[in-house]
Amino acid sequence: MAWIILVCAGLMEIVWAFFMKKSAGFTLPWPTAVMVVAMLASVALLSVSMKTLPLGTAYMVWTGIGAVGAFVAGVAFLGEAATPARVVAAALIVAGIVMMKFSSAD
């Protein structure tokens, strides 16, 4: 169950990063509000998952999901470049997340 909660925390990480971009430097109220709620949810869910998962594993997976997800969201919805180097970098992060998951005792 902790892994499902951690993945949800990572998804909220993507949401808040995306809406931070959409907030235009916190000048638009609705994107800013969504960002704040998603940020709080992300950290709260991370905290719950850390009750049973190791700190290093939970934090690395959480930030990795957020980083790769924000990259994908930027490419898919904001027209950001998906250069070969950026795709390889994202793939390396995913590989690290998978290795961390399978090396964890939980």
PDB file of N, CA and C in Angstrom:
ATOM      1  N   MET A   1       0.814  -1.202   0.000  1.00  0.00           N
ATOM      2  CA  MET A   1       0.000   0.000   0.000  1.00  0.00           C
ATOM      3  C   MET A   1       0.854   1.262   0.000  1.00  0.00           C
ATOM      4  N   ALA A   2       2.004   1.199   0.679  1.00  0.00           N
ATOM      5  CA  ALA A   2       2.882   2.370   0.739  1.00  0.00           C
ATOM      6  C   ALA A   2       3.369   2.771  -0.652  1.00  0.00           C
ATOM      7  N   TRP A   3       3.588   1.770  -1.514  1.00  0.00           N
ATOM      8  CA  TRP A   3       4.053   2.076  -2.868  1.00  0.00           C
ATOM      9  C   TRP A   3       2.974   2.787  -3.675  1.00  0.00           C
ATOM     10  N   ILE A   4       1.734   2.392  -3.501  1.00  0.00           N
ATOM     11  CA  ILE A   4       0.629   3.056  -4.210  1.00  0.00           C
ATOM     12  C   ILE A   4       0.514   4.500  -3.736  1.00  0.00           C
ATOM     13  N   ILE A   5       0.625   4.704  -2.441  1.00  0.00           N
ATOM     14  CA  ILE A   5       0.568   6.058  -1.878  1.00  0.00           C
ATOM     15  C   ILE A   5       1.735   6.889  -2.399  1.00  0.00           C
ATOM     16  N   LEU A   6       2.905   6.273  -2.484  1.00  0.00           N
ATOM     17  CA  LEU A   6       4.082   6.993  -2.984  1.00  0.00           C
ATOM     18  C   LEU A   6       3.908   7.388  -4.448  1.00  0.00           C
ATOM     19  N   VAL A   7       3.360   6.513  -5.259  1.00  0.00           N
ATOM     20  CA  VAL A   7       3.106   6.854  -6.662  1.00  0.00           C
ATOM     21  C   VAL A   7       2.101   8.010  -6.748  1.00  0.00           C
ATOM     22  N   CYS A   8       1.080   7.981  -5.920  1.00  0.00           N
ATOM     23  CA  CYS A   8       0.113   9.087  -5.886  1.00  0.00           C
ATOM     24  C   CYS A   8       0.794  10.389  -5.485  1.00  0.00           C
ATOM     25  N   ALA A   9       1.705  10.322  -4.534  1.00  0.00           N
ATOM     26  CA  ALA A   9       2.472  11.505  -4.129  1.00  0.00           C
ATOM     27  C   ALA A   9       3.285  12.028  -5.305  1.00  0.00           C
ATOM     28  N   GLY A  10       3.892  11.124  -6.061  1.00  0.00           N
ATOM     29  CA  GLY A  10       4.654  11.521  -7.244  1.00  0.00           C
ATOM     30  C   GLY A  10       3.776  12.161  -8.304  1.00  0.00           C
ATOM     31  N   LEU A  11       2.573  11.633  -8.482  1.00  0.00           N
ATOM     32  CA  LEU A  11       1.647  12.223  -9.450  1.00  0.00           C
ATOM     33  C   LEU A  11       1.242  13.633  -9.027  1.00  0.00           C
ATOM     34  N   MET A  12       1.045  13.833  -7.733  1.00  0.00           N
ATOM     35  CA  MET A  12       0.736  15.177  -7.234  1.00  0.00           C
ATOM     36  C   MET A  12       1.927  16.121  -7.436  1.00  0.00           C
ATOM     37  N   GLU A  13       3.126  15.567  -7.399  1.00  0.00           N
ATOM     38  CA  GLU A  13       4.340  16.342  -7.667  1.00  0.00           C
ATOM     39  C   GLU A  13       4.305  16.885  -9.101  1.00  0.00           C
ATOM     40  N   ILE A  14       3.866  16.053 -10.027  1.00  0.00           N
ATOM     41  CA  ILE A  14       3.744  16.489 -11.424  1.00  0.00           C
ATOM     42  C   ILE A  14       2.699  17.597 -11.542  1.00  0.00           C
ATOM     43  N   VAL A  15       1.571  17.409 -10.873  1.00  0.00           N
ATOM     44  CA  VAL A  15       0.487  18.396 -10.933  1.00  0.00           C
ATOM     45  C   VAL A  15       0.956  19.743 -10.418  1.00  0.00           C
ATOM     46  N   TRP A  16       1.634  19.758  -9.256  1.00  0.00           N
ATOM     47  CA  TRP A  16       2.022  21.062  -8.728  1.00  0.00           C
ATOM     48  C   TRP A  16       3.098  21.723  -9.576  1.00  0.00           C
ATOM     49  N   ALA A  17       3.999  20.947 -10.131  1.00  0.00           N
ATOM     50  CA  ALA A  17       5.025  21.541 -10.992  1.00  0.00           C
ATOM     51  C   ALA A  17       4.392  22.145 -12.250  1.00  0.00           C
ATOM     52  N   PHE A  18       3.452  21.417 -12.839  1.00  0.00           N
ATOM     53  CA  PHE A  18       2.769  21.909 -14.032  1.00  0.00           C
ATOM     54  C   PHE A  18       2.009  23.201 -13.728  1.00  0.00           C
ATOM     55  N   PHE A  19       1.272  23.201 -12.633  1.00  0.00           N
ATOM     56  CA  PHE A  19       0.487  24.392 -12.317  1.00  0.00           C
ATOM     57  C   PHE A  19       1.345  25.544 -11.797  1.00  0.00           C
ATOM     58  N   MET A  20       2.532  25.247 -11.300  1.00  0.00           N
ATOM     59  CA  MET A  20       3.448  26.337 -10.971  1.00  0.00           C
ATOM     60  C   MET A  20       3.825  27.082 -12.250  1.00  0.00           C
ATOM     61  N   LYS A  21       4.096  26.333 -13.296  1.00  0.00           N
ATOM     62  CA  LYS A  21       4.398  26.939 -14.593  1.00  0.00           C
ATOM     63  C   LYS A  21       3.203  27.733 -15.099  1.00  0.00           C
ATOM     64  N   LYS A  22       1.994  27.146 -14.991  1.00  0.00           N
ATOM     65  CA  LYS A  22       0.788  27.800 -15.481  1.00  0.00           C
ATOM     66  C   LYS A  22       0.384  29.023 -14.648  1.00  0.00           C
ATOM     67  N   SER A  23       0.922  29.152 -13.430  1.00  0.00           N
ATOM     68  CA  SER A  23       0.541  30.269 -12.560  1.00  0.00           C
ATOM     69  C   SER A  23       1.172  31.593 -12.978  1.00  0.00           C
ATOM     70  N   ALA A  24       2.107  31.549 -13.922  1.00  0.00           N
ATOM     71  CA  ALA A  24       2.779  32.767 -14.416  1.00  0.00           C
ATOM     72  C   ALA A  24       3.400  33.557 -13.263  1.00  0.00           C
ATOM     73  N   GLY A  25       4.223  32.864 -12.494  1.00  0.00           N
ATOM     74  CA  GLY A  25       4.888  33.530 -11.376  1.00  0.00           C
ATOM     75  C   GLY A  25       3.932  33.885 -10.249  1.00  0.00           C
ATOM     76  N   PHE A  26       2.942  33.034 -10.023  1.00  0.00           N
ATOM     77  CA  PHE A  26       1.935  33.209  -8.972  1.00  0.00           C
ATOM     78  C   PHE A  26       1.038  34.421  -9.195  1.00  0.00           C
ATOM     79  N   THR A  27       0.899  34.825 -10.459  1.00  0.00           N
ATOM     80  CA  THR A  27       0.036  35.975 -10.759  1.00  0.00           C
ATOM     81  C   THR A  27      -1.380  35.561 -11.148  1.00  0.00           C
ATOM     82  N   LEU A  28      -1.588  34.283 -11.427  1.00  0.00           N
ATOM     83  CA  LEU A  28      -2.923  33.792 -11.767  1.00  0.00           C
ATOM     84  C   LEU A  28      -3.455  32.976 -10.589  1.00  0.00           C
ATOM     85  N   PRO A  29      -4.583  33.382 -10.008  1.00  0.00           N
ATOM     86  CA  PRO A  29      -5.031  32.769  -8.757  1.00  0.00           C
ATOM     87  C   PRO A  29      -5.406  31.284  -8.845  1.00  0.00           C
ATOM     88  N   TRP A  30      -6.139  30.865  -9.886  1.00  0.00           N
ATOM     89  CA  TRP A  30      -6.580  29.465  -9.934  1.00  0.00           C
ATOM     90  C   TRP A  30      -5.425  28.485 -10.122  1.00  0.00           C
ATOM     91  N   PRO A  31      -4.523  28.718 -11.074  1.00  0.00           N
ATOM     92  CA  PRO A  31      -3.378  27.805 -11.166  1.00  0.00           C
ATOM     93  C   PRO A  31      -2.526  27.806  -9.897  1.00  0.00           C
ATOM     94  N   THR A  32      -2.414  28.960  -9.251  1.00  0.00           N
ATOM     95  CA  THR A  32      -1.654  29.040  -8.012  1.00  0.00           C
ATOM     96  C   THR A  32      -2.329  28.212  -6.916  1.00  0.00           C
ATOM     97  N   ALA A  33      -3.653  28.311  -6.822  1.00  0.00           N
ATOM     98  CA  ALA A  33      -4.390  27.545  -5.811  1.00  0.00           C
ATOM     99  C   ALA A  33      -4.258  26.043  -6.053  1.00  0.00           C
ATOM    100  N   VAL A  34      -4.384  25.614  -7.304  1.00  0.00           N
ATOM    101  CA  VAL A  34      -4.225  24.194  -7.629  1.00  0.00           C
ATOM    102  C   VAL A  34      -2.822  23.737  -7.251  1.00  0.00           C
ATOM    103  N   MET A  35      -1.828  24.559  -7.539  1.00  0.00           N
ATOM    104  CA  MET A  35      -0.453  24.230  -7.212  1.00  0.00           C
ATOM    105  C   MET A  35      -0.270  24.024  -5.706  1.00  0.00           C
ATOM    106  N   VAL A  36      -0.805  24.930  -4.907  1.00  0.00           N
ATOM    107  CA  VAL A  36      -0.646  24.840  -3.459  1.00  0.00           C
ATOM    108  C   VAL A  36      -1.326  23.575  -2.914  1.00  0.00           C
ATOM    109  N   VAL A  37      -2.531  23.288  -3.368  1.00  0.00           N
ATOM    110  CA  VAL A  37      -3.249  22.097  -2.904  1.00  0.00           C
ATOM    111  C   VAL A  37      -2.494  20.833  -3.316  1.00  0.00           C
ATOM    112  N   ALA A  38      -2.035  20.782  -4.564  1.00  0.00           N
ATOM    113  CA  ALA A  38      -1.300  19.607  -5.036  1.00  0.00           C
ATOM    114  C   ALA A  38       0.023  19.447  -4.295  1.00  0.00           C
ATOM    115  N   MET A  39       0.675  20.551  -3.984  1.00  0.00           N
ATOM    116  CA  MET A  39       1.936  20.497  -3.246  1.00  0.00           C
ATOM    117  C   MET A  39       1.716  19.925  -1.847  1.00  0.00           C
ATOM    118  N   LEU A  40       0.696  20.411  -1.174  1.00  0.00           N
ATOM    119  CA  LEU A  40       0.385  19.911   0.165  1.00  0.00           C
ATOM    120  C   LEU A  40       0.008  18.433   0.122  1.00  0.00           C
ATOM    121  N   ALA A  41      -0.787  18.047  -0.872  1.00  0.00           N
ATOM    122  CA  ALA A  41      -1.169  16.638  -1.013  1.00  0.00           C
ATOM    123  C   ALA A  41       0.045  15.771  -1.293  1.00  0.00           C
ATOM    124  N   SER A  42       0.936  16.256  -2.126  1.00  0.00           N
ATOM    125  CA  SER A  42       2.136  15.498  -2.471  1.00  0.00           C
ATOM    126  C   SER A  42       3.001  15.226  -1.250  1.00  0.00           C
ATOM    127  N   VAL A  43       3.240  16.248  -0.470  1.00  0.00           N
ATOM    128  CA  VAL A  43       4.082  16.094   0.723  1.00  0.00           C
ATOM    129  C   VAL A  43       3.378  15.236   1.770  1.00  0.00           C
ATOM    130  N   ALA A  44       2.069  15.412   1.922  1.00  0.00           N
ATOM    131  CA  ALA A  44       1.326  14.606   2.891  1.00  0.00           C
ATOM    132  C   ALA A  44       1.366  13.127   2.514  1.00  0.00           C
ATOM    133  N   LEU A  45       1.159  12.827   1.247  1.00  0.00           N
ATOM    134  CA  LEU A  45       1.204  11.434   0.800  1.00  0.00           C
ATOM    135  C   LEU A  45       2.610  10.856   0.933  1.00  0.00           C
ATOM    136  N   LEU A  46       3.615  11.658   0.623  1.00  0.00           N
ATOM    137  CA  LEU A  46       4.998  11.206   0.812  1.00  0.00           C
ATOM    138  C   LEU A  46       5.243  10.853   2.272  1.00  0.00           C
ATOM    139  N   SER A  47       4.765  11.688   3.153  1.00  0.00           N
ATOM    140  CA  SER A  47       4.935  11.452   4.584  1.00  0.00           C
ATOM    141  C   SER A  47       4.293  10.139   5.015  1.00  0.00           C
ATOM    142  N   VAL A  48       3.097   9.868   4.504  1.00  0.00           N
ATOM    143  CA  VAL A  48       2.414   8.618   4.846  1.00  0.00           C
ATOM    144  C   VAL A  48       3.214   7.422   4.327  1.00  0.00           C
ATOM    145  N   SER A  49       3.719   7.517   3.111  1.00  0.00           N
ATOM    146  CA  SER A  49       4.478   6.391   2.551  1.00  0.00           C
ATOM    147  C   SER A  49       5.769   6.141   3.319  1.00  0.00           C
ATOM    148  N   MET A  50       6.336   7.202   3.898  1.00  0.00           N
ATOM    149  CA  MET A  50       7.584   7.064   4.643  1.00  0.00           C
ATOM    150  C   MET A  50       7.404   6.376   5.995  1.00  0.00           C
ATOM    151  N   LYS A  51       6.169   6.119   6.392  1.00  0.00           N
ATOM    152  CA  LYS A  51       5.962   5.370   7.625  1.00  0.00           C
ATOM    153  C   LYS A  51       6.520   3.960   7.500  1.00  0.00           C
ATOM    154  N   THR A  52       6.509   3.424   6.282  1.00  0.00           N
ATOM    155  CA  THR A  52       7.003   2.057   6.091  1.00  0.00           C
ATOM    156  C   THR A  52       8.149   1.945   5.096  1.00  0.00           C
ATOM    157  N   LEU A  53       8.273   2.891   4.172  1.00  0.00           N
ATOM    158  CA  LEU A  53       9.358   2.824   3.187  1.00  0.00           C
ATOM    159  C   LEU A  53      10.597   3.548   3.703  1.00  0.00           C
ATOM    160  N   PRO A  54      11.780   3.100   3.303  1.00  0.00           N
ATOM    161  CA  PRO A  54      13.000   3.801   3.703  1.00  0.00           C
ATOM    162  C   PRO A  54      13.030   5.226   3.128  1.00  0.00           C
ATOM    163  N   LEU A  55      13.611   6.138   3.861  1.00  0.00           N
ATOM    164  CA  LEU A  55      13.703   7.545   3.458  1.00  0.00           C
ATOM    165  C   LEU A  55      14.298   7.695   2.068  1.00  0.00           C
ATOM    166  N   GLY A  56      15.474   7.121   1.851  1.00  0.00           N
ATOM    167  CA  GLY A  56      16.156   7.287   0.571  1.00  0.00           C
ATOM    168  C   GLY A  56      15.348   6.760  -0.594  1.00  0.00           C
ATOM    169  N   THR A  57      14.740   5.610  -0.409  1.00  0.00           N
ATOM    170  CA  THR A  57      13.927   5.019  -1.472  1.00  0.00           C
ATOM    171  C   THR A  57      12.717   5.888  -1.766  1.00  0.00           C
ATOM    172  N   ALA A  58      11.979   6.246  -0.732  1.00  0.00           N
ATOM    173  CA  ALA A  58      10.762   7.032  -0.918  1.00  0.00           C
ATOM    174  C   ALA A  58      11.071   8.382  -1.560  1.00  0.00           C
ATOM    175  N   TYR A  59      12.075   9.054  -1.071  1.00  0.00           N
ATOM    176  CA  TYR A  59      12.385  10.385  -1.597  1.00  0.00           C
ATOM    177  C   TYR A  59      12.875  10.318  -3.037  1.00  0.00           C
ATOM    178  N   MET A  60      13.711   9.338  -3.341  1.00  0.00           N
ATOM    179  CA  MET A  60      14.220   9.217  -4.703  1.00  0.00           C
ATOM    180  C   MET A  60      13.109   8.886  -5.691  1.00  0.00           C
ATOM    181  N   VAL A  61      12.234   7.966  -5.325  1.00  0.00           N
ATOM    182  CA  VAL A  61      11.127   7.608  -6.213  1.00  0.00           C
ATOM    183  C   VAL A  61      10.185   8.794  -6.387  1.00  0.00           C
ATOM    184  N   TRP A  62       9.886   9.489  -5.312  1.00  0.00           N
ATOM    185  CA  TRP A  62       8.993  10.658  -5.352  1.00  0.00           C
ATOM    186  C   TRP A  62       9.541  11.747  -6.273  1.00  0.00           C
ATOM    187  N   THR A  63      10.791  12.101  -6.074  1.00  0.00           N
ATOM    188  CA  THR A  63      11.374  13.147  -6.915  1.00  0.00           C
ATOM    189  C   THR A  63      11.549  12.678  -8.353  1.00  0.00           C
ATOM    190  N   GLY A  64      11.855  11.397  -8.540  1.00  0.00           N
ATOM    191  CA  GLY A  64      12.011  10.869  -9.890  1.00  0.00           C
ATOM    192  C   GLY A  64      10.717  10.888 -10.670  1.00  0.00           C
ATOM    193  N   ILE A  65       9.624  10.456 -10.020  1.00  0.00           N
ATOM    194  CA  ILE A  65       8.315  10.509 -10.681  1.00  0.00           C
ATOM    195  C   ILE A  65       7.990  11.954 -11.040  1.00  0.00           C
ATOM    196  N   GLY A  66       8.240  12.860 -10.109  1.00  0.00           N
ATOM    197  CA  GLY A  66       7.969  14.272 -10.368  1.00  0.00           C
ATOM    198  C   GLY A  66       8.807  14.833 -11.498  1.00  0.00           C
ATOM    199  N   ALA A  67      10.095  14.502 -11.521  1.00  0.00           N
ATOM    200  CA  ALA A  67      10.988  15.037 -12.552  1.00  0.00           C
ATOM    201  C   ALA A  67      10.630  14.505 -13.935  1.00  0.00           C
ATOM    202  N   VAL A  68      10.473  13.194 -14.045  1.00  0.00           N
ATOM    203  CA  VAL A  68      10.154  12.608 -15.349  1.00  0.00           C
ATOM    204  C   VAL A  68       8.742  13.018 -15.771  1.00  0.00           C
ATOM    205  N   GLY A  69       7.820  13.012 -14.833  1.00  0.00           N
ATOM    206  CA  GLY A  69       6.449  13.409 -15.156  1.00  0.00           C
ATOM    207  C   GLY A  69       6.360  14.859 -15.598  1.00  0.00           C
ATOM    208  N   ALA A  70       7.099  15.739 -14.942  1.00  0.00           N
ATOM    209  CA  ALA A  70       7.100  17.154 -15.338  1.00  0.00           C
ATOM    210  C   ALA A  70       7.712  17.311 -16.728  1.00  0.00           C
ATOM    211  N   PHE A  71       8.743  16.533 -17.009  1.00  0.00           N
ATOM    212  CA  PHE A  71       9.341  16.553 -18.346  1.00  0.00           C
ATOM    213  C   PHE A  71       8.310  16.123 -19.391  1.00  0.00           C
ATOM    214  N   VAL A  72       7.618  15.022 -19.139  1.00  0.00           N
ATOM    215  CA  VAL A  72       6.609  14.516 -20.078  1.00  0.00           C
ATOM    216  C   VAL A  72       5.468  15.525 -20.228  1.00  0.00           C
ATOM    217  N   ALA A  73       5.012  16.101 -19.131  1.00  0.00           N
ATOM    218  CA  ALA A  73       3.937  17.101 -19.195  1.00  0.00           C
ATOM    219  C   ALA A  73       4.372  18.323 -19.996  1.00  0.00           C
ATOM    220  N   GLY A  74       5.615  18.745 -19.796  1.00  0.00           N
ATOM    221  CA  GLY A  74       6.129  19.885 -20.554  1.00  0.00           C
ATOM    222  C   GLY A  74       6.162  19.613 -22.048  1.00  0.00           C
ATOM    223  N   VAL A  75       6.588  18.420 -22.405  1.00  0.00           N
ATOM    224  CA  VAL A  75       6.630  18.042 -23.822  1.00  0.00           C
ATOM    225  C   VAL A  75       5.220  17.907 -24.382  1.00  0.00           C
ATOM    226  N   ALA A  76       4.350  17.216 -23.642  1.00  0.00           N
ATOM    227  CA  ALA A  76       3.007  16.912 -24.140  1.00  0.00           C
ATOM    228  C   ALA A  76       2.074  18.124 -24.180  1.00  0.00           C
ATOM    229  N   PHE A  77       2.177  18.995 -23.175  1.00  0.00           N
ATOM    230  CA  PHE A  77       1.192  20.065 -23.059  1.00  0.00           C
ATOM    231  C   PHE A  77       1.737  21.474 -23.249  1.00  0.00           C
ATOM    232  N   LEU A  78       3.052  21.649 -23.150  1.00  0.00           N
ATOM    233  CA  LEU A  78       3.613  22.990 -23.229  1.00  0.00           C
ATOM    234  C   LEU A  78       4.532  23.188 -24.427  1.00  0.00           C
ATOM    235  N   GLY A  79       4.652  22.161 -25.256  1.00  0.00           N
ATOM    236  CA  GLY A  79       5.468  22.295 -26.462  1.00  0.00           C
ATOM    237  C   GLY A  79       6.966  22.334 -26.216  1.00  0.00           C
ATOM    238  N   GLU A  80       7.408  21.818 -25.072  1.00  0.00           N
ATOM    239  CA  GLU A  80       8.844  21.804 -24.793  1.00  0.00           C
ATOM    240  C   GLU A  80       9.527  20.735 -25.635  1.00  0.00           C
ATOM    241  N   ALA A  81      10.818  20.928 -25.874  1.00  0.00           N
ATOM    242  CA  ALA A  81      11.575  20.036 -26.748  1.00  0.00           C
ATOM    243  C   ALA A  81      11.820  18.676 -26.102  1.00  0.00           C
ATOM    244  N   ALA A  82      11.694  17.636 -26.916  1.00  0.00           N
ATOM    245  CA  ALA A  82      12.038  16.279 -26.493  1.00  0.00           C
ATOM    246  C   ALA A  82      13.266  15.849 -27.282  1.00  0.00           C
ATOM    247  N   THR A  83      14.366  16.499 -27.001  1.00  0.00           N
ATOM    248  CA  THR A  83      15.602  16.171 -27.717  1.00  0.00           C
ATOM    249  C   THR A  83      16.090  14.789 -27.288  1.00  0.00           C
ATOM    250  N   PRO A  84      16.902  14.150 -28.117  1.00  0.00           N
ATOM    251  CA  PRO A  84      17.412  12.831 -27.736  1.00  0.00           C
ATOM    252  C   PRO A  84      18.122  12.838 -26.380  1.00  0.00           C
ATOM    253  N   ALA A  85      18.893  13.851 -26.104  1.00  0.00           N
ATOM    254  CA  ALA A  85      19.612  13.910 -24.826  1.00  0.00           C
ATOM    255  C   ALA A  85      18.643  14.011 -23.648  1.00  0.00           C
ATOM    256  N   ARG A  86      17.589  14.793 -23.782  1.00  0.00           N
ATOM    257  CA  ARG A  86      16.609  14.928 -22.702  1.00  0.00           C
ATOM    258  C   ARG A  86      15.838  13.626 -22.491  1.00  0.00           C
ATOM    259  N   VAL A  87      15.524  12.931 -23.577  1.00  0.00           N
ATOM    260  CA  VAL A  87      14.814  11.653 -23.467  1.00  0.00           C
ATOM    261  C   VAL A  87      15.710  10.616 -22.789  1.00  0.00           C
ATOM    262  N   VAL A  88      16.986  10.581 -23.158  1.00  0.00           N
ATOM    263  CA  VAL A  88      17.917   9.649 -22.515  1.00  0.00           C
ATOM    264  C   VAL A  88      18.052   9.984 -21.031  1.00  0.00           C
ATOM    265  N   ALA A  89      18.143  11.252 -20.690  1.00  0.00           N
ATOM    266  CA  ALA A  89      18.243  11.649 -19.291  1.00  0.00           C
ATOM    267  C   ALA A  89      17.015  11.192 -18.505  1.00  0.00           C
ATOM    268  N   ALA A  90      15.829  11.368 -19.081  1.00  0.00           N
ATOM    269  CA  ALA A  90      14.601  10.917 -18.418  1.00  0.00           C
ATOM    270  C   ALA A  90      14.591   9.393 -18.276  1.00  0.00           C
ATOM    271  N   ALA A  91      15.062   8.699 -19.298  1.00  0.00           N
ATOM    272  CA  ALA A  91      15.119   7.234 -19.236  1.00  0.00           C
ATOM    273  C   ALA A  91      16.072   6.768 -18.145  1.00  0.00           C
ATOM    274  N   LEU A  92      17.158   7.471 -17.960  1.00  0.00           N
ATOM    275  CA  LEU A  92      18.099   7.117 -16.890  1.00  0.00           C
ATOM    276  C   LEU A  92      17.466   7.316 -15.512  1.00  0.00           C
ATOM    277  N   ILE A  93      16.668   8.361 -15.368  1.00  0.00           N
ATOM    278  CA  ILE A  93      15.967   8.573 -14.099  1.00  0.00           C
ATOM    279  C   ILE A  93      14.981   7.427 -13.854  1.00  0.00           C
ATOM    280  N   VAL A  94      14.241   7.044 -14.886  1.00  0.00           N
ATOM    281  CA  VAL A  94      13.304   5.923 -14.753  1.00  0.00           C
ATOM    282  C   VAL A  94      14.059   4.646 -14.383  1.00  0.00           C
ATOM    283  N   ALA A  95      15.198   4.408 -15.014  1.00  0.00           N
ATOM    284  CA  ALA A  95      16.002   3.225 -14.684  1.00  0.00           C
ATOM    285  C   ALA A  95      16.428   3.254 -13.222  1.00  0.00           C
ATOM    286  N   GLY A  96      16.801   4.413 -12.729  1.00  0.00           N
ATOM    287  CA  GLY A  96      17.172   4.542 -11.327  1.00  0.00           C
ATOM    288  C   GLY A  96      16.015   4.265 -10.393  1.00  0.00           C
ATOM    289  N   ILE A  97      14.819   4.743 -10.753  1.00  0.00           N
ATOM    290  CA  ILE A  97      13.629   4.487  -9.940  1.00  0.00           C
ATOM    291  C   ILE A  97      13.339   2.985  -9.887  1.00  0.00           C
ATOM    292  N   VAL A  98      13.412   2.333 -11.044  1.00  0.00           N
ATOM    293  CA  VAL A  98      13.143   0.894 -11.096  1.00  0.00           C
ATOM    294  C   VAL A  98      14.166   0.132 -10.259  1.00  0.00           C
ATOM    295  N   MET A  99      15.431   0.512 -10.384  1.00  0.00           N
ATOM    296  CA  MET A  99      16.476  -0.154  -9.579  1.00  0.00           C
ATOM    297  C   MET A  99      16.246   0.054  -8.098  1.00  0.00           C
ATOM    298  N   MET A 100      15.853   1.267  -7.708  1.00  0.00           N
ATOM    299  CA  MET A 100      15.609   1.552  -6.305  1.00  0.00           C
ATOM    300  C   MET A 100      14.434   0.728  -5.792  1.00  0.00           C
ATOM    301  N   LYS A 101      13.379   0.619  -6.594  1.00  0.00           N
ATOM    302  CA  LYS A 101      12.207  -0.162  -6.191  1.00  0.00           C
ATOM    303  C   LYS A 101      12.589  -1.620  -5.963  1.00  0.00           C
ATOM    304  N   PHE A 102      13.328  -2.199  -6.883  1.00  0.00           N
ATOM    305  CA  PHE A 102      13.661  -3.611  -6.765  1.00  0.00           C
ATOM    306  C   PHE A 102      14.769  -3.898  -5.759  1.00  0.00           C
ATOM    307  N   SER A 103      15.489  -2.865  -5.345  1.00  0.00           N
ATOM    308  CA  SER A 103      16.522  -3.073  -4.337  1.00  0.00           C
ATOM    309  C   SER A 103      16.005  -2.812  -2.924  1.00  0.00           C
ATOM    310  N   SER A 104      14.762  -2.327  -2.826  1.00  0.00           N
ATOM    311  CA  SER A 104      14.174  -2.043  -1.522  1.00  0.00           C
ATOM    312  C   SER A 104      13.614  -3.325  -0.907  1.00  0.00           C
ATOM    313  N   ALA A 105      13.757  -3.444   0.392  1.00  0.00           N
ATOM    314  CA  ALA A 105      13.237  -4.611   1.102  1.00  0.00           C
ATOM    315  C   ALA A 105      11.715  -4.542   1.257  1.00  0.00           C
ATOM    316  N   ASP A 106      11.139  -3.355   1.111  1.00  0.00           N
ATOM    317  CA  ASP A 106       9.688  -3.171   1.303  1.00  0.00           C
ATOM    318  C   ASP A 106       8.929  -3.242   0.017  1.00  0.00           C
TER     319      ASP A 106
END
